[in-house]
């Protein structure tokens, strides 16, 4: 099979979920198939990043993303019904590059990652097309509008929510398959069951890389939150935790300390370190070092959809975790066995404090979490199922 992948962001460095997914997709399919990648290059993209991707592709096509053009697209797009995030990535140069890649590489199937790349499938319906929607933006932006406190952001997120609610089912129906991570995402887009081309395709975690290795003792009272700290759902989660949950934990565990670890912490995150019990580290070269040192992982996510990589990585490292039902939505861990699930501040704080107090419970839950990940959440498990599905589309189209 000759697979052409369209991505809004170059899949390296591996600092965001979409990059991580595309990178591992390329690695998996390169084993048995011919693969080509068409991608934007964001401003400031390091030229050396290409060498991390080139071993996994037969052809690599890139075009710089113009911020000026992207912002102008959003201005013009404000007067249309198209989601602003899709307008942002509209580019005549990208359209021409996709046409060129199709002509030169002659793919059997075109895979577009997220609705941001959906417009580039429009002129290439003569072969099977797959739209990897991943998460339901309808669900994501509905939650953003609900939990945002700033009136302007609440209005903007509400506007985008209304647009994606109409746009997502429309573009999904025009493709041979649309890929979503969880049943919750499917339900948000296809509440009336009108989509019959959905294929559930979660991502995974490298549990051989993320494994407890015993290097360095767990630091007593250390909590950990990881993620891209410029991503608004993560920003909301840590602010909510520090404001509403951490003070309650301190009543039972005065020695508690929270580490917020992840790339690009915005000012709203950095100021949380004014509390002596909170540290904001920014990017770290090896996430396993901080996962090894924590006693409890937390993900008090209220906004977002799909699958939380931070939870998969923590569980793979046998780190006992307290998370919200939103964070568990795409994972399906059993509450009380693999993770502790709590949605209200007091219940969340009680769960964290209880784990800090009970070392045996931490060990048992961490071991159960690790076993759950090994059984259900490898990249190969999910990409192998996707590979079979894509091959069936190609055969049905008579291209093999």
Protein backbone atom coordinates (compact mmCIF):
# COMPACT_ATOMS: atom_id res chain seq x y z
CA UNK A 1 0.00 0.00 0.00
CA UNK A 2 1.15 3.50 -0.83
CA UNK A 3 -0.01 5.82 1.96
CA UNK A 4 0.07 9.63 1.74
CA UNK A 5 -0.20 11.39 5.12
CA UNK A 6 -1.22 15.07 5.40
CA UNK A 7 -0.32 16.77 8.71
CA UNK A 8 -0.84 20.33 9.94
CA UNK A 9 2.34 20.21 12.04
CA UNK A 10 5.64 18.53 11.31
CA UNK A 11 5.77 15.40 13.52
CA UNK A 12 8.87 16.39 15.45
CA UNK A 13 9.78 17.34 18.17
CA UNK A 14 7.46 15.00 20.06
CA UNK A 15 6.05 17.70 22.32
CA UNK A 16 2.38 17.60 21.32
CA UNK A 17 -0.15 14.82 20.99
CA UNK A 18 -0.76 15.27 17.25
CA UNK A 19 2.96 15.15 16.49
CA UNK A 20 3.39 12.05 18.64
CA UNK A 21 0.54 10.28 16.85
CA UNK A 22 1.72 11.08 13.32
CA UNK A 23 5.33 10.17 14.13
CA UNK A 24 4.33 6.74 15.47
CA UNK A 25 1.91 6.23 12.58
CA UNK A 26 4.75 6.78 10.09
CA UNK A 27 7.03 4.39 11.98
CA UNK A 28 4.41 1.65 12.08
CA UNK A 29 3.31 1.84 8.45
CA UNK A 30 6.87 2.17 7.13
CA UNK A 31 7.48 -1.46 8.15
CA UNK A 32 5.33 -2.90 5.36
CA UNK A 33 4.20 -0.03 3.16
CA UNK A 34 5.43 2.93 1.13
CA UNK A 35 4.72 6.15 3.03
CA UNK A 36 4.92 9.83 2.09
CA UNK A 37 4.32 12.87 4.30
CA UNK A 38 3.05 16.33 3.39
CA UNK A 39 3.30 18.79 6.27
CA UNK A 40 3.46 22.43 7.24
CA UNK A 41 6.62 23.68 8.93
CA UNK A 42 5.83 26.11 11.73
CA UNK A 43 7.89 29.29 12.19
CA UNK A 44 11.01 28.46 14.20
CA UNK A 45 11.00 24.79 13.16
CA UNK A 46 14.55 23.49 13.54
CA UNK A 47 16.01 22.36 10.17
CA UNK A 48 17.51 19.31 11.87
CA UNK A 49 14.06 18.00 12.80
CA UNK A 50 13.73 16.50 9.33
CA UNK A 51 16.35 13.85 10.06
CA UNK A 52 14.13 12.31 12.74
CA UNK A 53 11.32 11.73 10.23
CA UNK A 54 13.18 10.96 7.00
CA UNK A 55 14.00 7.31 7.92
CA UNK A 56 10.27 6.51 8.04
CA UNK A 57 9.12 8.02 4.74
CA UNK A 58 9.80 7.43 1.06
CA UNK A 59 9.00 11.04 0.22
CA UNK A 60 8.79 14.17 2.35
CA UNK A 61 7.03 17.35 1.19
CA UNK A 62 6.95 20.46 3.39
CA UNK A 63 5.84 24.06 3.11
CA UNK A 64 6.39 26.87 5.65
CA UNK A 65 3.30 28.04 7.50
CA UNK A 66 2.92 31.79 7.06
CA UNK A 67 1.57 33.36 10.25
CA UNK A 68 0.51 36.48 8.32
CA UNK A 69 -1.46 34.38 5.86
CA UNK A 70 -2.91 32.25 8.66
CA UNK A 71 -4.14 35.25 10.66
CA UNK A 72 -5.58 36.89 7.55
CA UNK A 73 -7.42 33.66 6.80
CA UNK A 74 -9.00 33.87 10.24
CA UNK A 75 -10.11 37.45 9.63
CA UNK A 76 -11.74 36.47 6.36
CA UNK A 77 -13.00 33.22 7.88
CA UNK A 78 -14.82 35.13 10.61
CA UNK A 79 -17.45 35.94 7.97
CA UNK A 80 -17.87 32.32 6.87
CA UNK A 81 -19.21 29.20 8.56
CA UNK A 82 -15.91 27.33 8.44
CA UNK A 83 -14.15 26.68 11.79
CA UNK A 84 -11.40 29.21 12.40
CA UNK A 85 -8.86 26.47 13.08
CA UNK A 86 -9.46 25.12 9.57
CA UNK A 87 -9.31 28.58 8.01
CA UNK A 88 -5.99 29.13 9.80
CA UNK A 89 -4.38 26.30 7.82
CA UNK A 90 -5.72 27.21 4.37
CA UNK A 91 -2.84 27.75 1.95
CA UNK A 92 -2.58 27.83 -1.83
CA UNK A 93 1.01 26.61 -1.50
CA UNK A 94 -0.11 23.62 0.55
CA UNK A 95 -2.88 22.85 -1.93
CA UNK A 96 -0.35 22.86 -4.77
CA UNK A 97 2.04 20.71 -2.75
CA UNK A 98 -0.66 18.11 -2.07
CA UNK A 99 -1.48 18.02 -5.80
CA UNK A 100 2.21 17.52 -6.57
CA UNK A 101 2.60 14.77 -3.98
CA UNK A 102 -0.44 12.92 -5.33
CA UNK A 103 0.90 13.15 -8.90
CA UNK A 104 4.45 12.05 -7.98
CA UNK A 105 3.81 9.50 -5.24
CA UNK A 106 0.56 8.06 -6.68
CA UNK A 107 -0.88 6.98 -3.32
CA UNK A 108 -3.43 4.23 -2.91
CA UNK A 109 -4.96 6.11 0.04
CA UNK A 110 -4.76 9.62 1.51
CA UNK A 111 -4.83 10.10 5.29
CA UNK A 112 -5.45 13.65 6.60
CA UNK A 113 -4.70 14.30 10.25
CA UNK A 114 -7.41 16.42 11.97
CA UNK A 115 -10.06 18.62 10.42
CA UNK A 116 -7.40 21.25 9.81
CA UNK A 117 -6.25 19.25 6.78
CA UNK A 118 -9.73 18.19 5.61
CA UNK A 119 -9.94 20.83 2.82
CA UNK A 120 -6.96 19.26 1.06
CA UNK A 121 -8.89 16.04 0.46
CA UNK A 122 -11.60 17.74 -1.60
CA UNK A 123 -9.96 17.35 -5.03
CA UNK A 124 -8.66 13.83 -4.50
CA UNK A 125 -11.79 11.71 -4.01
CA UNK A 126 -10.83 9.35 -6.84
CA UNK A 127 -8.95 7.26 -4.28
CA UNK A 128 -9.88 6.32 -0.70
CA UNK A 129 -9.64 9.18 1.79
CA UNK A 130 -9.42 8.95 5.57
CA UNK A 131 -9.91 11.86 7.94
CA UNK A 132 -8.26 11.25 11.31
CA UNK A 133 -10.44 13.59 13.31
CA UNK A 134 -8.95 12.13 16.52
CA UNK A 135 -10.95 14.09 19.08
CA UNK A 136 -14.37 15.64 18.67
CA UNK A 137 -13.73 19.36 18.46
CA UNK A 138 -17.45 19.73 19.13
CA UNK A 139 -16.87 18.23 22.57
CA UNK A 140 -13.59 20.09 23.11
CA UNK A 141 -14.86 23.58 22.29
CA UNK A 142 -18.13 23.04 24.12
CA UNK A 143 -16.12 22.42 27.29
CA UNK A 144 -13.81 25.34 26.57
CA UNK A 145 -16.81 27.65 26.32
CA UNK A 146 -18.32 26.21 29.49
CA UNK A 147 -15.26 26.57 31.72
CA UNK A 148 -13.67 29.75 30.36
CA UNK A 149 -14.01 32.68 32.75
CA UNK A 150 -12.92 35.48 30.46
CA UNK A 151 -15.98 36.83 28.58
CA UNK A 152 -14.12 37.28 25.28
CA UNK A 153 -12.74 33.74 25.26
CA UNK A 154 -16.14 32.37 26.25
CA UNK A 155 -17.70 34.10 23.22
CA UNK A 156 -14.94 32.97 20.83
CA UNK A 157 -15.02 29.38 22.03
CA UNK A 158 -18.81 29.38 21.80
CA UNK A 159 -18.59 30.61 18.21
CA UNK A 160 -16.05 27.94 17.26
CA UNK A 161 -18.17 25.31 19.00
CA UNK A 162 -21.19 26.17 16.88
CA UNK A 163 -19.09 26.00 13.72
CA UNK A 164 -17.38 22.68 14.41
CA UNK A 165 -20.70 21.17 15.48
CA UNK A 166 -21.95 21.66 11.92
CA UNK A 167 -18.64 21.19 10.11
CA UNK A 168 -17.41 17.94 11.68
CA UNK A 169 -20.26 15.64 10.59
CA UNK A 170 -20.26 17.25 7.12
CA UNK A 171 -16.57 16.61 6.40
CA UNK A 172 -16.71 13.20 8.07
CA UNK A 173 -19.45 12.03 5.71
CA UNK A 174 -17.43 13.05 2.65
CA UNK A 175 -14.56 10.68 3.53
CA UNK A 176 -14.43 6.91 3.24
CA UNK A 177 -13.53 6.68 6.92
CA UNK A 178 -13.32 9.12 9.78
CA UNK A 179 -11.16 8.12 12.72
CA UNK A 180 -12.08 9.01 16.29
CA UNK A 181 -10.45 8.06 19.57
CA UNK A 182 -13.40 7.13 21.76
CA UNK A 183 -17.14 6.48 21.84
CA UNK A 184 -17.56 9.79 23.67
CA UNK A 185 -16.07 11.60 20.66
CA UNK A 186 -18.31 9.65 18.28
CA UNK A 187 -21.37 10.52 20.35
CA UNK A 188 -20.52 14.21 20.35
CA UNK A 189 -20.31 14.35 16.55
CA UNK A 190 -22.95 11.79 15.65
CA UNK A 191 -25.49 12.10 18.45
CA UNK A 192 -28.25 10.75 16.22
CA UNK A 193 -26.12 7.93 14.80
CA UNK A 194 -26.00 9.44 11.33
CA UNK A 195 -22.33 8.59 10.67
CA UNK A 196 -21.78 5.08 9.40
CA UNK A 197 -18.10 5.42 8.42
CA UNK A 198 -16.51 5.83 11.85
CA UNK A 199 -13.53 3.70 12.86
CA UNK A 200 -12.31 3.92 16.44
CA UNK A 201 -8.56 4.50 16.33
CA UNK A 202 -7.00 5.49 19.65
CA UNK A 203 -3.31 6.19 19.99
CA UNK A 204 -1.05 4.43 22.46
CA UNK A 205 2.11 4.62 24.51
CA UNK A 206 5.55 3.08 24.23
CA UNK A 207 5.40 1.03 27.41
CA UNK A 208 8.88 -0.37 26.81
CA UNK A 209 10.26 3.17 27.00
CA UNK A 210 7.91 4.30 29.77
CA UNK A 211 8.55 1.59 32.34
CA UNK A 212 9.41 1.87 36.06
CA UNK A 213 13.15 1.32 36.38
CA UNK A 214 13.74 2.07 40.05
CA UNK A 215 16.17 4.87 39.28
CA UNK A 216 15.83 7.37 42.09
CA UNK A 217 13.47 7.05 45.05
CA UNK A 218 9.96 8.43 45.04
CA UNK A 219 10.01 11.82 46.74
CA UNK A 220 7.64 11.89 49.69
CA UNK A 221 4.61 14.06 49.05
CA UNK A 222 5.52 14.79 45.41
CA UNK A 223 2.60 15.21 42.99
CA UNK A 224 3.09 15.49 39.24
CA UNK A 225 1.23 17.04 36.32
CA UNK A 226 2.77 16.80 32.84
CA UNK A 227 1.83 18.20 29.44
CA UNK A 228 2.16 21.02 26.95
CA UNK A 229 1.72 23.99 29.25
CA UNK A 230 0.61 26.36 26.53
CA UNK A 231 -2.38 24.11 25.73
CA UNK A 232 -5.48 25.70 27.21
CA UNK A 233 -7.06 22.52 28.67
CA UNK A 234 -3.80 21.85 30.56
CA UNK A 235 -3.62 25.46 31.73
CA UNK A 236 -7.18 25.26 33.02
CA UNK A 237 -6.44 21.93 34.74
CA UNK A 238 -3.43 23.13 36.75
CA UNK A 239 -5.04 26.45 37.67
CA UNK A 240 -8.14 24.61 38.84
CA UNK A 241 -6.01 22.17 40.84
CA UNK A 242 -3.94 24.86 42.53
CA UNK A 243 -6.95 27.03 43.29
CA UNK A 244 -9.60 24.52 44.36
CA UNK A 245 -7.90 21.20 45.17
CA UNK A 246 -4.36 21.73 46.44
CA UNK A 247 -5.42 23.75 49.53
CA UNK A 248 -7.68 20.83 50.53
CA UNK A 249 -4.83 18.33 50.07
CA UNK A 250 -2.56 20.46 52.28
CA UNK A 251 -4.96 20.09 55.21
CA UNK A 252 -4.21 16.37 55.35
CA UNK A 253 -0.71 16.42 53.83
CA UNK A 254 1.04 19.70 54.71
CA UNK A 255 4.27 18.44 53.15
CA UNK A 256 2.72 18.01 49.69
CA UNK A 257 4.56 19.45 46.66
CA UNK A 258 3.31 19.77 43.08
CA UNK A 259 5.59 19.68 40.03
CA UNK A 260 4.14 21.07 36.79
CA UNK A 261 6.32 19.73 33.98
CA UNK A 262 5.98 20.48 30.29
CA UNK A 263 7.01 22.67 27.42
CA UNK A 264 6.12 26.37 26.97
CA UNK A 265 4.46 27.23 30.31
CA UNK A 266 2.44 30.42 29.79
CA UNK A 267 2.38 33.20 32.37
CA UNK A 268 -0.87 31.90 33.91
CA UNK A 269 1.02 28.71 34.73
CA UNK A 270 4.33 30.28 35.78
CA UNK A 271 2.64 32.46 38.40
CA UNK A 272 1.38 29.34 40.18
CA UNK A 273 4.93 28.86 41.45
CA UNK A 274 4.38 31.80 43.80
CA UNK A 275 3.02 29.11 46.08
CA UNK A 276 6.07 27.48 47.75
CA UNK A 277 4.35 24.11 47.32
CA UNK A 278 4.35 24.44 43.52
CA UNK A 279 7.21 24.29 41.04
CA UNK A 280 6.98 24.91 37.28
CA UNK A 281 9.92 23.30 35.53
CA UNK A 282 9.18 23.80 31.85
CA UNK A 283 10.53 21.23 29.41
CA UNK A 284 12.63 18.32 30.65
CA UNK A 285 14.83 16.15 28.42
CA UNK A 286 13.56 12.83 29.79
CA UNK A 287 10.08 12.71 31.28
CA UNK A 288 10.84 9.40 32.97
CA UNK A 289 13.08 11.12 35.52
CA UNK A 290 10.18 13.15 36.94
CA UNK A 291 7.73 10.25 36.66
CA UNK A 292 10.16 8.12 38.67
CA UNK A 293 10.35 10.74 41.41
CA UNK A 294 6.64 11.38 42.02
CA UNK A 295 4.38 9.55 44.44
CA UNK A 296 1.08 10.45 42.76
CA UNK A 297 0.20 11.73 39.30
CA UNK A 298 -2.77 14.08 38.82
CA UNK A 299 -4.86 15.07 35.83
CA UNK A 300 -7.77 17.26 36.96
CA UNK A 301 -8.83 17.81 33.35
CA UNK A 302 -12.16 19.55 32.81
CA UNK A 303 -11.69 20.67 29.20
CA UNK A 304 -10.71 18.50 26.28
CA UNK A 305 -11.65 15.31 24.51
CA UNK A 306 -10.08 12.14 23.21
CA UNK A 307 -7.15 10.49 24.92
CA UNK A 308 -4.72 11.87 27.50
CA UNK A 309 -1.10 10.91 26.79
CA UNK A 310 -0.01 12.12 30.21
CA UNK A 311 -2.27 9.52 31.83
CA UNK A 312 -1.05 6.70 29.58
CA UNK A 313 2.58 7.59 30.30
CA UNK A 314 2.06 7.85 34.04
CA UNK A 315 0.19 4.55 34.19
CA UNK A 316 2.88 2.86 32.08
CA UNK A 317 5.42 4.02 34.68
CA UNK A 318 3.29 2.41 37.44
CA UNK A 319 2.55 5.85 38.87
CA UNK A 320 -0.74 5.83 40.82
CA UNK A 321 -2.95 8.55 39.39
CA UNK A 322 -5.96 10.60 40.37
CA UNK A 323 -7.85 11.85 37.33
CA UNK A 324 -11.25 13.20 36.33
CA UNK A 325 -13.83 11.25 34.39
CA UNK A 326 -13.04 13.55 31.45
CA UNK A 327 -9.41 12.44 31.54
CA UNK A 328 -10.52 8.79 31.68
CA UNK A 329 -13.05 9.18 28.87
CA UNK A 330 -10.91 7.70 26.10
CA UNK A 331 -8.89 5.33 28.28
CA UNK A 332 -11.52 3.28 30.05
CA UNK A 333 -9.46 2.46 33.13
CA UNK A 334 -11.46 0.89 35.96
CA UNK A 335 -11.92 3.48 38.75
CA UNK A 336 -10.53 2.30 42.05
CA UNK A 337 -8.41 -0.38 40.39
CA UNK A 338 -6.25 1.19 37.68
CA UNK A 339 -6.77 4.86 38.59
CA UNK A 340 -8.72 6.93 41.09
CA UNK A 341 -11.46 8.96 39.39
CA UNK A 342 -12.93 12.08 41.04
CA UNK A 343 -14.66 15.13 39.60
CA UNK A 344 -15.37 17.35 42.61
CA UNK A 345 -12.56 19.24 44.41
CA UNK A 346 -13.08 17.60 47.80
CA UNK A 347 -13.31 14.09 46.38
CA UNK A 348 -10.23 14.70 44.24
CA UNK A 349 -8.27 16.07 47.20
CA UNK A 350 -9.32 13.17 49.42
CA UNK A 351 -8.15 10.66 46.80
CA UNK A 352 -4.76 12.37 46.47
CA UNK A 353 -4.28 12.56 50.24
CA UNK A 354 -5.33 8.95 50.72
CA UNK A 355 -2.76 7.76 48.17
CA UNK A 356 -0.05 9.89 49.78
CA UNK A 357 -0.85 8.28 53.13
CA UNK A 358 -1.03 4.67 51.96
CA UNK A 359 2.14 3.31 50.35
CA UNK A 360 0.69 -0.17 49.86
CA UNK A 361 -2.30 1.23 47.98
CA UNK A 362 0.04 3.30 45.79
CA UNK A 363 2.05 0.19 44.90
CA UNK A 364 -1.00 -1.95 44.11
CA UNK A 365 -2.68 0.73 41.99
CA UNK A 366 0.57 1.48 40.14
CA UNK A 367 1.09 -2.20 39.32
CA UNK A 368 -2.51 -2.57 38.14
CA UNK A 369 -2.17 0.56 36.00
CA UNK A 370 0.99 -0.74 34.34
CA UNK A 371 -0.62 -4.13 33.60
CA UNK A 372 -3.67 -2.40 32.10
CA UNK A 373 -1.48 -0.33 29.75
CA UNK A 374 0.58 -3.31 28.60
CA UNK A 375 -2.59 -5.24 27.77
CA UNK A 376 -4.61 -2.50 26.09
CA UNK A 377 -2.60 0.54 25.06
CA UNK A 378 0.39 -0.24 22.84
CA UNK A 379 0.88 1.74 19.62
CA UNK A 380 1.18 -1.52 17.67
CA UNK A 381 -2.14 -2.86 18.93
CA UNK A 382 -4.12 0.12 17.67
CA UNK A 383 -2.13 0.82 14.51
CA UNK A 384 -2.30 -2.84 13.47
CA UNK A 385 -6.11 -2.65 13.61
CA UNK A 386 -6.00 0.60 11.64
CA UNK A 387 -3.63 -0.98 9.10
CA UNK A 388 -6.12 -3.76 8.42
CA UNK A 389 -8.91 -1.21 7.98
CA UNK A 390 -6.94 0.91 5.51
CA UNK A 391 -5.85 -2.13 3.53
CA UNK A 392 -9.49 -3.20 3.24
CA UNK A 393 -10.40 0.25 1.85
CA UNK A 394 -7.66 0.00 -0.74
CA UNK A 395 -8.73 -3.50 -1.79
CA UNK A 396 -12.36 -2.43 -2.04
CA UNK A 397 -11.32 0.44 -4.31
CA UNK A 398 -9.49 -2.02 -6.55
CA UNK A 399 -6.15 -0.33 -6.08
CA UNK A 400 -4.35 -3.54 -5.07
